Amino acid sequence: MTRFVSAFTGEVFDLMTHDSLLKVPAPFEDDDAAFDAGVTAAGDGGGLLTRLYAARGRIAGAGADPRTTPSFVSGVLIGSEVATVPAFIGAEPGETVEVIGGERLTRLYAQVLARYGWTERRHDGEAAALAGLTALARTLEGR
């Protein structure tokens, strides 16, 4: 690994779906079509706040099921991140992007990375955290 970046994508998702006018009472509906529409709405990643507001318009103006809003918001956020972060860290098209997280989330990132032409390799977040902490402990013990 030569470059690393992390983003507040999960935190923004949580705020948008729990503490904003986009909040929806549970249960959320996992909706692939809404997620894909969100990725499309993300476009080149610019104007993220305006693009997020489209989540409201799709309910008020297009009659979308409000329970699909979290999937749409997730698509906008992940789509925006994938559209902008590789250039931000200087990654070249065709490079492999390492994705660390839970199974469902890494699957969504893999979908969007493929859509933008990137290769990905997925890693379990818990296993990666444990391996990192173990390596750190061994390093500290060796001092």
Protein backbone atom coordinates (compact mmCIF):
# COMPACT_ATOMS: atom_id res chain seq x y z
CA MET A 1 0.00 0.00 0.00
CA THR A 2 1.50 3.33 -1.04
CA ARG A 3 -1.32 5.79 -0.25
CA PHE A 4 -4.17 5.88 2.23
CA VAL A 5 -7.26 8.01 2.69
CA SER A 6 -10.30 7.80 4.87
CA ALA A 7 -13.42 9.92 4.63
CA PHE A 8 -16.37 10.86 6.85
CA THR A 9 -18.75 9.06 4.51
CA GLY A 10 -20.24 6.84 7.22
CA GLU A 11 -20.63 9.71 9.66
CA VAL A 12 -22.32 11.91 7.06
CA PHE A 13 -24.62 9.02 6.12
CA ASP A 14 -25.60 8.59 9.77
CA LEU A 15 -26.26 12.32 10.20
CA MET A 16 -28.28 12.56 6.99
CA THR A 17 -30.44 9.52 7.72
CA HIS A 18 -30.99 10.15 11.45
CA ASP A 19 -30.69 13.90 12.13
CA SER A 20 -31.70 15.76 8.99
CA LEU A 21 -34.82 16.38 6.94
CA LEU A 22 -33.85 13.23 5.05
CA LYS A 23 -34.33 11.03 8.10
CA VAL A 24 -36.63 8.10 7.68
CA PRO A 25 -38.07 5.98 10.48
CA ALA A 26 -36.74 2.43 10.61
CA PRO A 27 -36.90 -0.02 9.07
CA PHE A 28 -34.87 1.15 6.08
CA GLU A 29 -35.32 -0.66 2.82
CA ASP A 30 -32.14 -1.86 1.12
CA ASP A 31 -32.85 -0.89 -2.47
CA ASP A 32 -30.30 -1.50 -5.23
CA ALA A 33 -32.17 0.71 -7.73
CA ALA A 34 -32.20 3.64 -5.28
CA PHE A 35 -28.49 3.10 -4.56
CA ASP A 36 -27.70 3.08 -8.30
CA ALA A 37 -29.79 6.25 -8.77
CA GLY A 38 -27.77 7.87 -5.98
CA VAL A 39 -24.48 6.90 -7.64
CA THR A 40 -25.73 8.42 -10.89
CA ALA A 41 -26.83 11.57 -9.01
CA ALA A 42 -23.31 11.85 -7.52
CA GLY A 43 -21.96 12.55 -11.00
CA ASP A 44 -18.38 13.78 -10.86
CA GLY A 45 -18.58 14.18 -7.08
CA GLY A 46 -18.84 17.97 -7.11
CA GLY A 47 -21.71 19.84 -5.47
CA LEU A 48 -22.26 17.10 -2.92
CA LEU A 49 -24.74 19.02 -0.76
CA THR A 50 -26.88 19.92 -3.75
CA ARG A 51 -26.77 16.34 -4.98
CA LEU A 52 -27.80 15.07 -1.53
CA TYR A 53 -30.83 17.34 -1.61
CA ALA A 54 -32.03 15.36 -4.63
CA ALA A 55 -32.96 12.68 -2.10
CA ARG A 56 -35.79 14.93 -0.93
CA GLY A 57 -36.92 15.78 -4.45
CA ARG A 58 -37.19 12.13 -5.48
CA ILE A 59 -39.80 11.63 -2.74
CA ALA A 60 -41.71 14.92 -3.02
CA GLY A 61 -41.63 15.18 -6.81
CA ALA A 62 -41.16 11.66 -8.11
CA GLY A 63 -43.12 9.60 -5.61
CA ALA A 64 -40.19 7.44 -4.47
CA ASP A 65 -40.73 5.31 -1.36
CA PRO A 66 -39.21 7.25 1.57
CA ARG A 67 -37.83 3.98 3.01
CA THR A 68 -35.41 3.85 0.05
CA THR A 69 -33.87 7.23 0.95
CA PRO A 70 -30.95 5.70 2.91
CA SER A 71 -29.99 3.62 -0.14
CA PHE A 72 -30.13 6.71 -2.37
CA VAL A 73 -28.08 8.78 0.13
CA SER A 74 -25.55 5.95 0.39
CA GLY A 75 -25.23 5.92 -3.41
CA VAL A 76 -24.68 9.69 -3.56
CA LEU A 77 -22.06 9.61 -0.81
CA ILE A 78 -20.14 6.58 -2.03
CA GLY A 79 -20.45 7.72 -5.65
CA SER A 80 -19.08 11.14 -4.77
CA GLU A 81 -16.23 9.66 -2.76
CA VAL A 82 -15.23 7.22 -5.51
CA ALA A 83 -15.48 9.95 -8.17
CA THR A 84 -13.10 12.26 -6.31
CA VAL A 85 -10.80 10.39 -3.92
CA PRO A 86 -8.57 8.44 -6.38
CA ALA A 87 -7.45 11.70 -8.01
CA PHE A 88 -7.13 13.31 -4.57
CA ILE A 89 -4.57 10.69 -3.53
CA GLY A 90 -2.86 10.58 -6.92
CA ALA A 91 -4.08 7.12 -7.95
CA GLU A 92 -3.93 6.31 -11.63
CA PRO A 93 -6.81 4.63 -13.47
CA GLY A 94 -6.35 0.88 -13.48
CA GLU A 95 -4.58 0.79 -10.11
CA THR A 96 -6.05 -1.50 -7.49
CA VAL A 97 -7.92 0.24 -4.69
CA GLU A 98 -7.89 -1.62 -1.38
CA VAL A 99 -11.32 -1.46 0.29
CA ILE A 100 -11.57 -2.24 4.00
CA GLY A 101 -14.88 -2.71 5.80
CA GLY A 102 -17.83 -4.99 6.36
CA GLU A 103 -19.07 -7.31 3.62
CA ARG A 104 -22.08 -5.26 2.52
CA LEU A 105 -20.21 -1.95 2.50
CA THR A 106 -17.18 -3.28 0.63
CA ARG A 107 -19.55 -4.84 -1.93
CA LEU A 108 -21.16 -1.43 -2.52
CA TYR A 109 -17.77 0.26 -2.88
CA ALA A 110 -16.63 -2.48 -5.27
CA GLN A 111 -19.74 -1.91 -7.40
CA VAL A 112 -19.10 1.83 -7.64
CA LEU A 113 -15.33 1.48 -8.16
CA ALA A 114 -16.02 -0.89 -11.07
CA ARG A 115 -18.51 1.59 -12.51
CA TYR A 116 -15.77 4.25 -12.51
CA GLY A 117 -13.23 1.85 -14.04
CA TRP A 118 -11.17 0.98 -10.94
CA THR A 119 -9.99 -2.42 -9.82
CA GLU A 120 -10.62 -3.25 -6.17
CA ARG A 121 -9.50 -5.76 -3.59
CA ARG A 122 -11.73 -6.21 -0.54
CA HIS A 123 -10.58 -6.77 3.04
CA ASP A 124 -12.63 -7.58 6.12
CA GLY A 125 -12.54 -4.52 8.41
CA GLU A 126 -12.48 -6.43 11.69
CA ALA A 127 -9.68 -8.73 10.53
CA ALA A 128 -7.68 -5.75 9.23
CA ALA A 129 -8.10 -3.84 12.50
CA LEU A 130 -7.04 -6.87 14.53
CA ALA A 131 -4.01 -7.49 12.31
CA GLY A 132 -2.99 -3.84 12.59
CA LEU A 133 -3.36 -3.75 16.36
CA THR A 134 -1.44 -7.02 16.69
CA ALA A 135 1.39 -5.66 14.54
CA LEU A 136 1.45 -2.45 16.59
CA ALA A 137 1.60 -4.41 19.87
CA ARG A 138 4.49 -6.52 18.56
CA THR A 139 6.33 -3.38 17.48
CA LEU A 140 5.82 -1.75 20.88
CA GLU A 141 6.93 -4.92 22.69
CA GLY A 142 10.16 -4.91 20.67
CA ARG A 143 11.21 -1.48 21.93
